[in-house]
């Protein structure tokens, strides 16, 4: 069996030259990176062994969770290294080509699109924001401050014991509904504030507690593309929001900078191509 080309990303040729990509190892931990010139662009690649990354083998390997976890993490590490020193269009895990000519052909189809995308990504960073809430604290916060809730509590206090029980149950349902609405509204308003600092944004899947492993409920999950000179102000805005919302059970988790995973529609698919 021979060797295949594993594609990590596309960048400007000059940036690939300046970065010295050959100093880094690829997804298999042994083959060094190098780049293939594509006119003004460059494809950052490494060789991988067909015995491990060939088409049929890859189908089996991607069902082995330990192998997949290890290689996917290494793929991410490589992209982080590259993104730190160049404008990068990151490719999906296991974007593999049999021959250099196949990469050249792909570039001939998408060269203009890739150049436009690289221009848009120039001087930017991707940051991810997750917004969580402790519904018990928000419920307590709402119950102690909302005029309608306070009025109903006063009315209930004047009722008979039997009516108090029934009306308290109704009030609890009312508060639960308010909490749900407040979680949605608050998260949407936060996103609107964060969006002002960004070149582009996109929403991501909101996961339940079984996935996150947290006691708090995830209310928002988004990716934000920012100019680097806007990052400090963006993070300050998040810190302010975190402090303002703490009493009502709000928690904001921000991570980055990342390669622009959510802002790079490369129209490439994982697997061996060509």
Protein backbone atom coordinates (compact mmCIF):
# COMPACT_ATOMS: atom_id res chain seq x y z
CA UNK A 1 0.00 0.00 0.00
CA UNK A 2 1.13 3.54 -0.73
CA UNK A 3 0.61 7.02 0.69
CA UNK A 4 -2.32 9.42 0.45
CA UNK A 5 -2.63 13.19 0.81
CA UNK A 6 -4.38 14.36 3.99
CA UNK A 7 -5.67 17.93 3.55
CA UNK A 8 -5.81 20.15 6.67
CA UNK A 9 -6.67 23.48 5.15
CA UNK A 10 -6.16 26.12 2.51
CA UNK A 11 -4.29 29.39 3.03
CA UNK A 12 -2.46 32.06 1.08
CA UNK A 13 0.73 30.76 -0.52
CA UNK A 14 2.85 33.54 1.03
CA UNK A 15 1.51 32.77 4.50
CA UNK A 16 2.28 29.07 4.08
CA UNK A 17 5.84 29.96 3.06
CA UNK A 18 6.33 32.30 6.01
CA UNK A 19 4.83 29.90 8.58
CA UNK A 20 7.27 27.08 7.85
CA UNK A 21 4.65 24.36 8.07
CA UNK A 22 7.20 21.55 7.77
CA UNK A 23 8.08 22.03 11.46
CA UNK A 24 4.82 20.31 12.46
CA UNK A 25 3.77 16.67 12.30
CA UNK A 26 0.50 15.59 10.76
CA UNK A 27 -2.49 13.63 11.99
CA UNK A 28 -0.53 10.38 12.28
CA UNK A 29 2.17 11.99 14.42
CA UNK A 30 5.00 10.97 12.09
CA UNK A 31 4.67 12.52 8.62
CA UNK A 32 5.55 16.26 8.51
CA UNK A 33 3.27 18.86 6.99
CA UNK A 34 4.06 20.49 3.67
CA UNK A 35 2.12 22.60 1.22
CA UNK A 36 1.07 22.33 -2.40
CA UNK A 37 0.95 25.55 -4.41
CA UNK A 38 -2.45 26.37 -5.89
CA UNK A 39 -1.82 29.64 -7.72
CA UNK A 40 -2.09 32.35 -5.04
CA UNK A 41 -3.20 29.73 -2.54
CA UNK A 42 -1.62 26.74 -0.83
CA UNK A 43 -3.05 23.45 0.39
CA UNK A 44 -1.49 22.36 3.68
CA UNK A 45 -1.19 18.58 3.64
CA UNK A 46 0.74 15.62 4.94
CA UNK A 47 1.17 12.11 3.71
CA UNK A 48 -0.74 9.36 5.53
CA UNK A 49 -0.41 5.64 5.04
CA UNK A 50 -3.11 4.00 2.97
CA UNK A 51 -2.96 1.06 5.38
CA UNK A 52 -4.49 3.32 8.06
CA UNK A 53 -6.39 5.94 6.06
CA UNK A 54 -7.40 4.07 2.90
CA UNK A 55 -11.04 4.20 1.88
CA UNK A 56 -12.11 0.78 3.18
CA UNK A 57 -9.89 0.92 6.26
CA UNK A 58 -11.20 4.37 7.15
CA UNK A 59 -14.79 3.10 7.19
CA UNK A 60 -13.80 0.56 9.84
CA UNK A 61 -11.53 2.91 11.80
CA UNK A 62 -14.18 5.59 12.20
CA UNK A 63 -16.26 3.05 14.12
CA UNK A 64 -13.42 2.54 16.61
CA UNK A 65 -14.10 5.28 19.14
CA UNK A 66 -10.62 5.36 20.69
CA UNK A 67 -8.92 5.65 17.31
CA UNK A 68 -11.42 8.26 16.13
CA UNK A 69 -11.10 10.33 19.30
CA UNK A 70 -7.30 10.28 19.13
CA UNK A 71 -7.06 11.18 15.44
CA UNK A 72 -9.82 13.80 15.53
CA UNK A 73 -8.10 15.52 18.45
CA UNK A 74 -4.78 15.42 16.61
CA UNK A 75 -6.48 16.90 13.54
CA UNK A 76 -7.78 19.72 15.75
CA UNK A 77 -4.31 20.27 17.25
CA UNK A 78 -2.79 20.65 13.79
CA UNK A 79 -5.46 23.16 12.79
CA UNK A 80 -4.85 25.14 15.99
CA UNK A 81 -1.13 25.32 15.18
CA UNK A 82 -1.80 26.43 11.62
CA UNK A 83 -4.49 28.93 12.60
CA UNK A 84 -2.09 30.59 15.02
CA UNK A 85 0.24 31.60 12.19
CA UNK A 86 -1.90 32.08 9.09
CA UNK A 87 -5.33 32.84 7.67
CA UNK A 88 -6.83 29.38 7.33
CA UNK A 89 -9.82 27.68 5.77
CA UNK A 90 -9.96 24.50 7.89
CA UNK A 91 -11.01 21.24 6.31
CA UNK A 92 -13.10 18.53 7.92
CA UNK A 93 -11.48 15.57 9.65
CA UNK A 94 -10.18 12.95 7.21
CA UNK A 95 -10.36 15.01 4.02
CA UNK A 96 -8.09 12.78 1.95
CA UNK A 97 -7.00 12.66 -1.69
CA UNK A 98 -5.33 9.87 -3.58
CA UNK A 99 -3.23 12.13 -5.80
CA UNK A 100 -1.94 15.69 -5.87
CA UNK A 101 -3.77 16.20 -9.17
CA UNK A 102 -7.06 15.64 -7.35
CA UNK A 103 -6.28 18.51 -4.98
CA UNK A 104 -5.27 20.69 -7.92
CA UNK A 105 -8.57 19.89 -9.63
CA UNK A 106 -10.55 20.74 -6.48
CA UNK A 107 -8.70 24.05 -6.29
CA UNK A 108 -9.43 24.87 -9.93
CA UNK A 109 -13.14 24.58 -9.16
CA UNK A 110 -13.14 26.53 -5.88
CA UNK A 111 -10.15 28.88 -6.20
CA UNK A 112 -12.20 32.07 -6.54
CA UNK A 113 -14.53 31.05 -3.72
CA UNK A 114 -11.61 30.16 -1.45
CA UNK A 115 -9.86 33.46 -2.17
CA UNK A 116 -13.02 35.38 -1.27
CA UNK A 117 -13.41 33.40 1.93
CA UNK A 118 -9.78 33.96 2.93
CA UNK A 119 -10.21 37.68 2.40
CA UNK A 120 -13.26 37.60 4.68
CA UNK A 121 -11.37 35.63 7.34
CA UNK A 122 -8.30 37.88 7.29
CA UNK A 123 -7.60 39.27 10.75
CA UNK A 124 -10.48 37.43 12.40
CA UNK A 125 -10.93 34.93 15.22
CA UNK A 126 -13.75 32.55 16.05
CA UNK A 127 -15.05 32.49 19.62
CA UNK A 128 -17.78 30.21 20.98
CA UNK A 129 -20.27 31.24 23.65
CA UNK A 130 -22.56 29.01 25.68
CA UNK A 131 -25.16 30.51 28.00
CA UNK A 132 -26.44 28.45 30.93
CA UNK A 133 -29.03 29.08 33.62
CA UNK A 134 -29.93 27.61 36.99
CA UNK A 135 -33.69 27.60 36.72
CA UNK A 136 -34.14 27.32 40.50
CA UNK A 137 -32.28 30.61 41.05
CA UNK A 138 -34.12 32.30 38.18
CA UNK A 139 -37.43 31.07 39.60
CA UNK A 140 -36.55 32.47 43.02
CA UNK A 141 -35.39 35.73 41.45
CA UNK A 142 -38.60 36.04 39.42
CA UNK A 143 -40.89 35.13 42.31
CA UNK A 144 -39.38 37.78 44.57
CA UNK A 145 -39.46 40.64 42.06
CA UNK A 146 -42.21 40.27 39.46
CA UNK A 147 -45.24 42.52 40.28
CA UNK A 148 -47.81 39.99 39.00
CA UNK A 149 -46.33 37.19 41.12
CA UNK A 150 -46.18 39.36 44.22
CA UNK A 151 -49.79 40.47 43.72
CA UNK A 152 -50.98 36.86 43.37
CA UNK A 153 -49.11 35.89 46.53
CA UNK A 154 -50.87 38.62 48.45
CA UNK A 155 -54.25 37.46 47.12
CA UNK A 156 -53.53 33.82 47.99
CA UNK A 157 -52.63 34.78 51.56
CA UNK A 158 -56.22 36.02 52.03
CA UNK A 159 -57.81 32.76 50.82
CA UNK A 160 -58.94 29.66 52.68
CA UNK A 161 -56.45 26.79 53.11
CA UNK A 162 -58.05 24.73 50.36
CA UNK A 163 -58.04 27.59 47.87
CA UNK A 164 -54.50 28.52 48.87
CA UNK A 165 -53.29 25.06 47.86
CA UNK A 166 -55.01 25.19 44.44
CA UNK A 167 -53.98 28.76 43.67
CA UNK A 168 -50.39 28.14 44.81
CA UNK A 169 -50.17 25.23 42.34
CA UNK A 170 -51.45 27.52 39.58
CA UNK A 171 -48.99 30.22 40.61
CA UNK A 172 -46.10 27.73 40.48
CA UNK A 173 -47.10 26.79 36.93
CA UNK A 174 -47.30 30.46 36.02
CA UNK A 175 -43.81 31.10 37.41
CA UNK A 176 -42.41 28.06 35.57
CA UNK A 177 -43.81 29.44 32.32
CA UNK A 178 -42.31 32.84 33.06
CA UNK A 179 -38.92 31.27 33.77
CA UNK A 180 -38.99 29.42 30.47
CA UNK A 181 -39.88 32.61 28.59
CA UNK A 182 -37.24 34.60 30.46
CA UNK A 183 -34.55 32.05 29.62
CA UNK A 184 -35.36 32.34 25.93
CA UNK A 185 -35.66 36.14 25.95
CA UNK A 186 -32.55 36.74 28.05
CA UNK A 187 -30.38 34.49 25.89
CA UNK A 188 -31.71 36.07 22.70
CA UNK A 189 -30.95 39.56 24.05
CA UNK A 190 -27.43 38.53 25.05
CA UNK A 191 -26.83 37.22 21.54
CA UNK A 192 -28.06 40.52 20.12
CA UNK A 193 -25.57 42.42 22.30
CA UNK A 194 -22.66 40.12 21.42
CA UNK A 195 -23.53 40.25 17.72
CA UNK A 196 -22.74 44.00 17.58
CA UNK A 197 -19.02 43.22 17.86
CA UNK A 198 -18.96 40.55 15.16
CA UNK A 199 -18.32 40.12 11.47
CA UNK A 200 -20.61 37.09 11.45
CA UNK A 201 -22.42 34.77 13.87
CA UNK A 202 -24.16 31.43 13.78
CA UNK A 203 -26.22 29.44 16.24
CA UNK A 204 -25.26 25.92 17.32
CA UNK A 205 -27.22 23.07 18.83
CA UNK A 206 -28.46 23.64 22.39
CA UNK A 207 -27.66 20.47 24.35
CA UNK A 208 -29.57 19.05 27.29
CA UNK A 209 -28.09 18.25 30.70
CA UNK A 210 -27.47 14.62 29.77
CA UNK A 211 -24.97 15.79 27.16
CA UNK A 212 -23.40 18.76 28.97
CA UNK A 213 -23.16 17.03 32.34
CA UNK A 214 -23.98 20.34 34.03
CA UNK A 215 -26.64 21.18 36.59
CA UNK A 216 -27.47 24.35 34.68
CA UNK A 217 -29.65 24.32 31.57
CA UNK A 218 -28.02 25.39 28.31
CA UNK A 219 -30.08 28.24 26.86
CA UNK A 220 -27.83 29.40 24.02
CA UNK A 221 -24.91 28.05 22.02
CA UNK A 222 -23.35 30.24 19.37
CA UNK A 223 -20.20 30.89 17.35
CA UNK A 224 -18.94 34.43 16.73
CA UNK A 225 -16.45 35.63 14.13
CA UNK A 226 -14.69 38.81 15.24
CA UNK A 227 -12.01 41.12 13.98
CA UNK A 228 -9.06 40.73 16.33
CA UNK A 229 -9.28 44.36 17.44
CA UNK A 230 -12.85 43.72 18.66
CA UNK A 231 -12.04 40.67 20.80
CA UNK A 232 -11.18 42.61 23.97
CA UNK A 233 -14.41 44.61 23.89
CA UNK A 234 -16.38 41.44 23.12
CA UNK A 235 -14.90 39.63 26.12
CA UNK A 236 -15.50 42.65 28.35
CA UNK A 237 -19.16 42.60 27.30
CA UNK A 238 -19.38 38.94 28.28
CA UNK A 239 -17.75 39.60 31.65
CA UNK A 240 -20.26 42.39 32.35
CA UNK A 241 -23.18 40.14 31.35
CA UNK A 242 -21.81 37.38 33.58
CA UNK A 243 -21.68 39.69 36.60
CA UNK A 244 -25.11 41.21 35.92
CA UNK A 245 -26.81 37.83 35.59
CA UNK A 246 -25.13 35.90 38.39
CA UNK A 247 -27.85 36.53 41.00
CA UNK A 248 -30.51 35.14 38.65
CA UNK A 249 -28.49 32.00 37.97
CA UNK A 250 -26.92 32.94 34.64
CA UNK A 251 -23.53 31.58 33.64
CA UNK A 252 -21.66 32.32 30.40
CA UNK A 253 -18.93 30.06 29.08
CA UNK A 254 -16.68 31.53 26.39
CA UNK A 255 -13.89 29.66 24.57
CA UNK A 256 -11.47 30.59 21.83
CA UNK A 257 -9.87 31.60 19.67
CA UNK A 258 -10.61 28.66 17.38
CA UNK A 259 -10.01 27.98 13.70
CA UNK A 260 -13.05 29.36 11.82
CA UNK A 261 -14.85 26.00 11.81
CA UNK A 262 -18.32 27.56 11.64
CA UNK A 263 -17.52 30.16 9.01
CA UNK A 264 -15.76 28.04 6.37
CA UNK A 265 -18.17 26.32 4.03
CA UNK A 266 -15.55 24.53 1.92
CA UNK A 267 -17.93 22.14 0.14
CA UNK A 268 -15.54 19.31 0.91
CA UNK A 269 -16.53 16.05 2.55
CA UNK A 270 -14.65 13.65 4.77
CA UNK A 271 -13.23 10.48 3.29
CA UNK A 272 -10.95 9.49 0.45
CA UNK A 273 -11.61 11.48 -2.72
CA UNK A 274 -10.39 10.90 -6.25
